[in-house]
Amino acid sequence: MEINQALLTDNASGAEVLLDLDVIASLVAKFKTKYPHTFHCLCEAGLSTGEMTLGDAESAFDWVANFLVEA
């Protein structure tokens, strides 16, 4: 499914989705700042099991934002 079709199916605009993703990314950044050792520990735990980590999520938000802006 293409992004424009997905947005249409969800009855959403790219701008609306970007705003919501920005809120989520801000919450992750705030968590990282407030609990840096816990953030690091959770990332290490995820890496040791091969799972996605909060650090990966931060990178994913950046990638998604760029993808939506370019779409």
PDB file of N, CA and C in Angstrom:
ATOM      1  N   MET A   1       0.850  -1.168   0.000  1.00  0.00           N
ATOM      2  CA  MET A   1       0.000   0.000   0.000  1.00  0.00           C
ATOM      3  C   MET A   1       0.903   1.241   0.000  1.00  0.00           C
ATOM      4  N   GLU A   2       0.610   2.197  -0.835  1.00  0.00           N
ATOM      5  CA  GLU A   2       1.359   3.454  -0.900  1.00  0.00           C
ATOM      6  C   GLU A   2       0.907   4.390   0.212  1.00  0.00           C
ATOM      7  N   ILE A   3       1.781   5.329   0.599  1.00  0.00           N
ATOM      8  CA  ILE A   3       1.479   6.227   1.718  1.00  0.00           C
ATOM      9  C   ILE A   3       0.230   7.059   1.452  1.00  0.00           C
ATOM     10  N   ASN A   4       0.065   7.556   0.242  1.00  0.00           N
ATOM     11  CA  ASN A   4      -1.122   8.372  -0.042  1.00  0.00           C
ATOM     12  C   ASN A   4      -2.407   7.557   0.093  1.00  0.00           C
ATOM     13  N   GLN A   5      -2.357   6.312  -0.324  1.00  0.00           N
ATOM     14  CA  GLN A   5      -3.521   5.432  -0.184  1.00  0.00           C
ATOM     15  C   GLN A   5      -3.779   5.134   1.296  1.00  0.00           C
ATOM     16  N   ALA A   6      -2.718   4.907   2.049  1.00  0.00           N
ATOM     17  CA  ALA A   6      -2.869   4.631   3.483  1.00  0.00           C
ATOM     18  C   ALA A   6      -3.472   5.843   4.200  1.00  0.00           C
ATOM     19  N   LEU A   7      -2.979   7.039   3.881  1.00  0.00           N
ATOM     20  CA  LEU A   7      -3.528   8.250   4.486  1.00  0.00           C
ATOM     21  C   LEU A   7      -5.003   8.408   4.133  1.00  0.00           C
ATOM     22  N   LEU A   8      -5.340   8.169   2.883  1.00  0.00           N
ATOM     23  CA  LEU A   8      -6.725   8.271   2.436  1.00  0.00           C
ATOM     24  C   LEU A   8      -7.601   7.255   3.167  1.00  0.00           C
ATOM     25  N   THR A   9      -7.116   6.034   3.298  1.00  0.00           N
ATOM     26  CA  THR A   9      -7.859   4.989   3.996  1.00  0.00           C
ATOM     27  C   THR A   9      -8.084   5.354   5.460  1.00  0.00           C
ATOM     28  N   ASP A  10      -7.068   5.984   6.067  1.00  0.00           N
ATOM     29  CA  ASP A  10      -7.175   6.404   7.467  1.00  0.00           C
ATOM     30  C   ASP A  10      -7.872   7.752   7.627  1.00  0.00           C
ATOM     31  N   ASN A  11      -8.279   8.338   6.501  1.00  0.00           N
ATOM     32  CA  ASN A  11      -8.920   9.651   6.517  1.00  0.00           C
ATOM     33  C   ASN A  11      -8.045  10.670   7.250  1.00  0.00           C
ATOM     34  N   ALA A  12      -6.764  10.684   6.870  1.00  0.00           N
ATOM     35  CA  ALA A  12      -5.797  11.560   7.522  1.00  0.00           C
ATOM     36  C   ALA A  12      -4.974  12.290   6.472  1.00  0.00           C
ATOM     37  N   SER A  13      -4.395  13.388   6.887  1.00  0.00           N
ATOM     38  CA  SER A  13      -3.479  14.110   6.010  1.00  0.00           C
ATOM     39  C   SER A  13      -2.056  13.855   6.492  1.00  0.00           C
ATOM     40  N   GLY A  14      -1.096  14.058   5.599  1.00  0.00           N
ATOM     41  CA  GLY A  14       0.301  13.915   5.989  1.00  0.00           C
ATOM     42  C   GLY A  14       0.663  14.866   7.106  1.00  0.00           C
ATOM     43  N   ALA A  15       0.125  16.091   7.043  1.00  0.00           N
ATOM     44  CA  ALA A  15       0.418  17.089   8.075  1.00  0.00           C
ATOM     45  C   ALA A  15      -0.119  16.641   9.430  1.00  0.00           C
ATOM     46  N   GLU A  16      -1.309  16.081   9.440  1.00  0.00           N
ATOM     47  CA  GLU A  16      -1.916  15.593  10.687  1.00  0.00           C
ATOM     48  C   GLU A  16      -1.074  14.465  11.285  1.00  0.00           C
ATOM     49  N   VAL A  17      -0.648  13.542  10.434  1.00  0.00           N
ATOM     50  CA  VAL A  17       0.164  12.418  10.888  1.00  0.00           C
ATOM     51  C   VAL A  17       1.504  12.919  11.424  1.00  0.00           C
ATOM     52  N   LEU A  18       2.105  13.877  10.724  1.00  0.00           N
ATOM     53  CA  LEU A  18       3.374  14.445  11.186  1.00  0.00           C
ATOM     54  C   LEU A  18       3.229  15.081  12.565  1.00  0.00           C
ATOM     55  N   LEU A  19       2.136  15.781  12.792  1.00  0.00           N
ATOM     56  CA  LEU A  19       1.914  16.392  14.111  1.00  0.00           C
ATOM     57  C   LEU A  19       1.824  15.334  15.202  1.00  0.00           C
ATOM     58  N   ASP A  20       1.076  14.267  14.940  1.00  0.00           N
ATOM     59  CA  ASP A  20       0.941  13.200  15.933  1.00  0.00           C
ATOM     60  C   ASP A  20       2.280  12.509  16.176  1.00  0.00           C
ATOM     61  N   LEU A  21       3.028  12.239  15.104  1.00  0.00           N
ATOM     62  CA  LEU A  21       4.329  11.602  15.261  1.00  0.00           C
ATOM     63  C   LEU A  21       5.304  12.506  16.009  1.00  0.00           C
ATOM     64  N   ASP A  22       5.188  13.804  15.802  1.00  0.00           N
ATOM     65  CA  ASP A  22       6.047  14.747  16.520  1.00  0.00           C
ATOM     66  C   ASP A  22       5.779  14.693  18.020  1.00  0.00           C
ATOM     67  N   VAL A  23       4.505  14.560  18.390  1.00  0.00           N
ATOM     68  CA  VAL A  23       4.149  14.443  19.806  1.00  0.00           C
ATOM     69  C   VAL A  23       4.782  13.183  20.401  1.00  0.00           C
ATOM     70  N   ILE A  24       4.680  12.064  19.682  1.00  0.00           N
ATOM     71  CA  ILE A  24       5.241  10.804  20.171  1.00  0.00           C
ATOM     72  C   ILE A  24       6.763  10.910  20.275  1.00  0.00           C
ATOM     73  N   ALA A  25       7.401  11.451  19.243  1.00  0.00           N
ATOM     74  CA  ALA A  25       8.858  11.597  19.257  1.00  0.00           C
ATOM     75  C   ALA A  25       9.305  12.503  20.401  1.00  0.00           C
ATOM     76  N   SER A  26       8.542  13.546  20.667  1.00  0.00           N
ATOM     77  CA  SER A  26       8.866  14.440  21.777  1.00  0.00           C
ATOM     78  C   SER A  26       8.773  13.725  23.115  1.00  0.00           C
ATOM     79  N   LEU A  27       7.772  12.853  23.259  1.00  0.00           N
ATOM     80  CA  LEU A  27       7.633  12.079  24.500  1.00  0.00           C
ATOM     81  C   LEU A  27       8.806  11.120  24.690  1.00  0.00           C
ATOM     82  N   VAL A  28       9.254  10.492  23.614  1.00  0.00           N
ATOM     83  CA  VAL A  28      10.406   9.597  23.711  1.00  0.00           C
ATOM     84  C   VAL A  28      11.651  10.403  24.086  1.00  0.00           C
ATOM     85  N   ALA A  29      11.837  11.568  23.462  1.00  0.00           N
ATOM     86  CA  ALA A  29      12.989  12.421  23.782  1.00  0.00           C
ATOM     87  C   ALA A  29      12.933  12.893  25.232  1.00  0.00           C
ATOM     88  N   LYS A  30      11.748  13.241  25.701  1.00  0.00           N
ATOM     89  CA  LYS A  30      11.583  13.680  27.087  1.00  0.00           C
ATOM     90  C   LYS A  30      11.908  12.539  28.050  1.00  0.00           C
ATOM     91  N   PHE A  31      11.454  11.321  27.727  1.00  0.00           N
ATOM     92  CA  PHE A  31      11.761  10.149  28.544  1.00  0.00           C
ATOM     93  C   PHE A  31      13.273   9.934  28.599  1.00  0.00           C
ATOM     94  N   LYS A  32      13.932  10.056  27.446  1.00  0.00           N
ATOM     95  CA  LYS A  32      15.380   9.864  27.364  1.00  0.00           C
ATOM     96  C   LYS A  32      16.117  10.881  28.230  1.00  0.00           C
ATOM     97  N   THR A  33      15.645  12.118  28.235  1.00  0.00           N
ATOM     98  CA  THR A  33      16.263  13.174  29.028  1.00  0.00           C
ATOM     99  C   THR A  33      16.007  12.971  30.515  1.00  0.00           C
ATOM    100  N   LYS A  34      14.786  12.598  30.851  1.00  0.00           N
ATOM    101  CA  LYS A  34      14.411  12.456  32.259  1.00  0.00           C
ATOM    102  C   LYS A  34      15.001  11.195  32.887  1.00  0.00           C
ATOM    103  N   TYR A  35      15.091  10.129  32.105  1.00  0.00           N
ATOM    104  CA  TYR A  35      15.564   8.842  32.611  1.00  0.00           C
ATOM    105  C   TYR A  35      16.684   8.291  31.724  1.00  0.00           C
ATOM    106  N   PRO A  36      17.818   8.979  31.636  1.00  0.00           N
ATOM    107  CA  PRO A  36      18.856   8.557  30.687  1.00  0.00           C
ATOM    108  C   PRO A  36      19.408   7.156  30.952  1.00  0.00           C
ATOM    109  N   HIS A  37      19.566   6.788  32.211  1.00  0.00           N
ATOM    110  CA  HIS A  37      20.102   5.464  32.515  1.00  0.00           C
ATOM    111  C   HIS A  37      19.089   4.373  32.200  1.00  0.00           C
ATOM    112  N   THR A  38      17.838   4.625  32.508  1.00  0.00           N
ATOM    113  CA  THR A  38      16.782   3.659  32.183  1.00  0.00           C
ATOM    114  C   THR A  38      16.652   3.519  30.676  1.00  0.00           C
ATOM    115  N   PHE A  39      16.690   4.642  29.962  1.00  0.00           N
ATOM    116  CA  PHE A  39      16.627   4.621  28.499  1.00  0.00           C
ATOM    117  C   PHE A  39      17.753   3.751  27.949  1.00  0.00           C
ATOM    118  N   HIS A  40      18.969   4.016  28.430  1.00  0.00           N
ATOM    119  CA  HIS A  40      20.135   3.258  27.960  1.00  0.00           C
ATOM    120  C   HIS A  40      19.980   1.770  28.287  1.00  0.00           C
ATOM    121  N   CYS A  41      19.549   1.471  29.494  1.00  0.00           N
ATOM    122  CA  CYS A  41      19.362   0.080  29.911  1.00  0.00           C
ATOM    123  C   CYS A  41      18.328  -0.622  29.030  1.00  0.00           C
ATOM    124  N   LEU A  42      17.220   0.060  28.755  1.00  0.00           N
ATOM    125  CA  LEU A  42      16.187  -0.533  27.903  1.00  0.00           C
ATOM    126  C   LEU A  42      16.702  -0.765  26.482  1.00  0.00           C
ATOM    127  N   CYS A  43      17.495   0.165  25.983  1.00  0.00           N
ATOM    128  CA  CYS A  43      18.073  -0.001  24.642  1.00  0.00           C
ATOM    129  C   CYS A  43      19.037  -1.181  24.617  1.00  0.00           C
ATOM    130  N   GLU A  44      19.882  -1.277  25.637  1.00  0.00           N
ATOM    131  CA  GLU A  44      20.825  -2.401  25.719  1.00  0.00           C
ATOM    132  C   GLU A  44      20.092  -3.730  25.822  1.00  0.00           C
ATOM    133  N   ALA A  45      19.028  -3.764  26.620  1.00  0.00           N
ATOM    134  CA  ALA A  45      18.245  -4.997  26.758  1.00  0.00           C
ATOM    135  C   ALA A  45      17.640  -5.395  25.420  1.00  0.00           C
ATOM    136  N   GLY A  46      17.108  -4.419  24.698  1.00  0.00           N
ATOM    137  CA  GLY A  46      16.538  -4.709  23.385  1.00  0.00           C
ATOM    138  C   GLY A  46      17.582  -5.195  22.401  1.00  0.00           C
ATOM    139  N   LEU A  47      18.763  -4.556  22.419  1.00  0.00           N
ATOM    140  CA  LEU A  47      19.835  -4.968  21.519  1.00  0.00           C
ATOM    141  C   LEU A  47      20.301  -6.388  21.815  1.00  0.00           C
ATOM    142  N   SER A  48      20.345  -6.743  23.088  1.00  0.00           N
ATOM    143  CA  SER A  48      20.833  -8.075  23.456  1.00  0.00           C
ATOM    144  C   SER A  48      19.886  -9.180  23.003  1.00  0.00           C
ATOM    145  N   THR A  49      18.634  -8.844  22.786  1.00  0.00           N
ATOM    146  CA  THR A  49      17.666  -9.852  22.328  1.00  0.00           C
ATOM    147  C   THR A  49      17.362  -9.715  20.845  1.00  0.00           C
ATOM    148  N   GLY A  50      17.978  -8.710  20.202  1.00  0.00           N
ATOM    149  CA  GLY A  50      17.740  -8.503  18.780  1.00  0.00           C
ATOM    150  C   GLY A  50      16.439  -7.791  18.482  1.00  0.00           C
ATOM    151  N   GLU A  51      15.818  -7.232  19.510  1.00  0.00           N
ATOM    152  CA  GLU A  51      14.546  -6.533  19.333  1.00  0.00           C
ATOM    153  C   GLU A  51      14.784  -5.057  19.034  1.00  0.00           C
ATOM    154  N   MET A  52      13.748  -4.382  18.592  1.00  0.00           N
ATOM    155  CA  MET A  52      13.802  -2.947  18.367  1.00  0.00           C
ATOM    156  C   MET A  52      13.898  -2.241  19.717  1.00  0.00           C
ATOM    157  N   THR A  53      14.640  -1.149  19.767  1.00  0.00           N
ATOM    158  CA  THR A  53      14.822  -0.409  21.009  1.00  0.00           C
ATOM    159  C   THR A  53      14.200   0.980  20.901  1.00  0.00           C
ATOM    160  N   LEU A  54      14.168   1.696  22.009  1.00  0.00           N
ATOM    161  CA  LEU A  54      13.704   3.081  21.990  1.00  0.00           C
ATOM    162  C   LEU A  54      14.614   3.938  21.120  1.00  0.00           C
ATOM    163  N   GLY A  55      15.893   3.630  21.100  1.00  0.00           N
ATOM    164  CA  GLY A  55      16.826   4.334  20.218  1.00  0.00           C
ATOM    165  C   GLY A  55      16.474   4.116  18.755  1.00  0.00           C
ATOM    166  N   ASP A  56      16.092   2.880  18.422  1.00  0.00           N
ATOM    167  CA  ASP A  56      15.645   2.592  17.054  1.00  0.00           C
ATOM    168  C   ASP A  56      14.385   3.389  16.740  1.00  0.00           C
ATOM    169  N   ALA A  57      13.502   3.496  17.730  1.00  0.00           N
ATOM    170  CA  ALA A  57      12.260   4.248  17.537  1.00  0.00           C
ATOM    171  C   ALA A  57      12.569   5.713  17.239  1.00  0.00           C
ATOM    172  N   GLU A  58      13.545   6.282  17.948  1.00  0.00           N
ATOM    173  CA  GLU A  58      13.940   7.673  17.675  1.00  0.00           C
ATOM    174  C   GLU A  58      14.374   7.835  16.229  1.00  0.00           C
ATOM    175  N   SER A  59      15.195   6.929  15.757  1.00  0.00           N
ATOM    176  CA  SER A  59      15.658   6.978  14.364  1.00  0.00           C
ATOM    177  C   SER A  59      14.495   6.790  13.395  1.00  0.00           C
ATOM    178  N   ALA A  60      13.578   5.900  13.755  1.00  0.00           N
ATOM    179  CA  ALA A  60      12.419   5.643  12.899  1.00  0.00           C
ATOM    180  C   ALA A  60      11.548   6.888  12.760  1.00  0.00           C
ATOM    181  N   PHE A  61      11.369   7.637  13.853  1.00  0.00           N
ATOM    182  CA  PHE A  61      10.571   8.865  13.773  1.00  0.00           C
ATOM    183  C   PHE A  61      11.205   9.858  12.804  1.00  0.00           C
ATOM    184  N   ASP A  62      12.517   9.994  12.851  1.00  0.00           N
ATOM    185  CA  ASP A  62      13.209  10.891  11.922  1.00  0.00           C
ATOM    186  C   ASP A  62      13.006  10.433  10.482  1.00  0.00           C
ATOM    187  N   TRP A  63      13.156   9.128  10.252  1.00  0.00           N
ATOM    188  CA  TRP A  63      13.006   8.597   8.909  1.00  0.00           C
ATOM    189  C   TRP A  63      11.584   8.817   8.392  1.00  0.00           C
ATOM    190  N   VAL A  64      10.592   8.515   9.238  1.00  0.00           N
ATOM    191  CA  VAL A  64       9.188   8.662   8.836  1.00  0.00           C
ATOM    192  C   VAL A  64       8.861  10.119   8.532  1.00  0.00           C
ATOM    193  N   ALA A  65       9.336  11.027   9.360  1.00  0.00           N
ATOM    194  CA  ALA A  65       9.075  12.450   9.122  1.00  0.00           C
ATOM    195  C   ALA A  65       9.631  12.873   7.772  1.00  0.00           C
ATOM    196  N   ASN A  66      10.849  12.470   7.466  1.00  0.00           N
ATOM    197  CA  ASN A  66      11.439  12.806   6.165  1.00  0.00           C
ATOM    198  C   ASN A  66      10.666  12.155   5.023  1.00  0.00           C
ATOM    199  N   PHE A  67      10.240  10.919   5.209  1.00  0.00           N
ATOM    200  CA  PHE A  67       9.482  10.199   4.179  1.00  0.00           C
ATOM    201  C   PHE A  67       8.165  10.912   3.902  1.00  0.00           C
ATOM    202  N   LEU A  68       7.456  11.322   4.957  1.00  0.00           N
ATOM    203  CA  LEU A  68       6.165  11.989   4.766  1.00  0.00           C
ATOM    204  C   LEU A  68       6.329  13.364   4.137  1.00  0.00           C
ATOM    205  N   VAL A  69       7.384  14.069   4.477  1.00  0.00           N
ATOM    206  CA  VAL A  69       7.613  15.393   3.895  1.00  0.00           C
ATOM    207  C   VAL A  69       7.899  15.259   2.394  1.00  0.00           C
ATOM    208  N   GLU A  70       8.624  14.213   2.026  1.00  0.00           N
ATOM    209  CA  GLU A  70       8.969  14.007   0.621  1.00  0.00           C
ATOM    210  C   GLU A  70       7.804  13.451  -0.190  1.00  0.00           C
ATOM    211  N   ALA A  71       6.826  12.823   0.464  1.00  0.00           N
ATOM    212  CA  ALA A  71       5.720  12.158  -0.247  1.00  0.00           C
ATOM    213  C   ALA A  71       4.746  13.147  -0.832  1.00  0.00           C
TER     214      ALA A  71
END
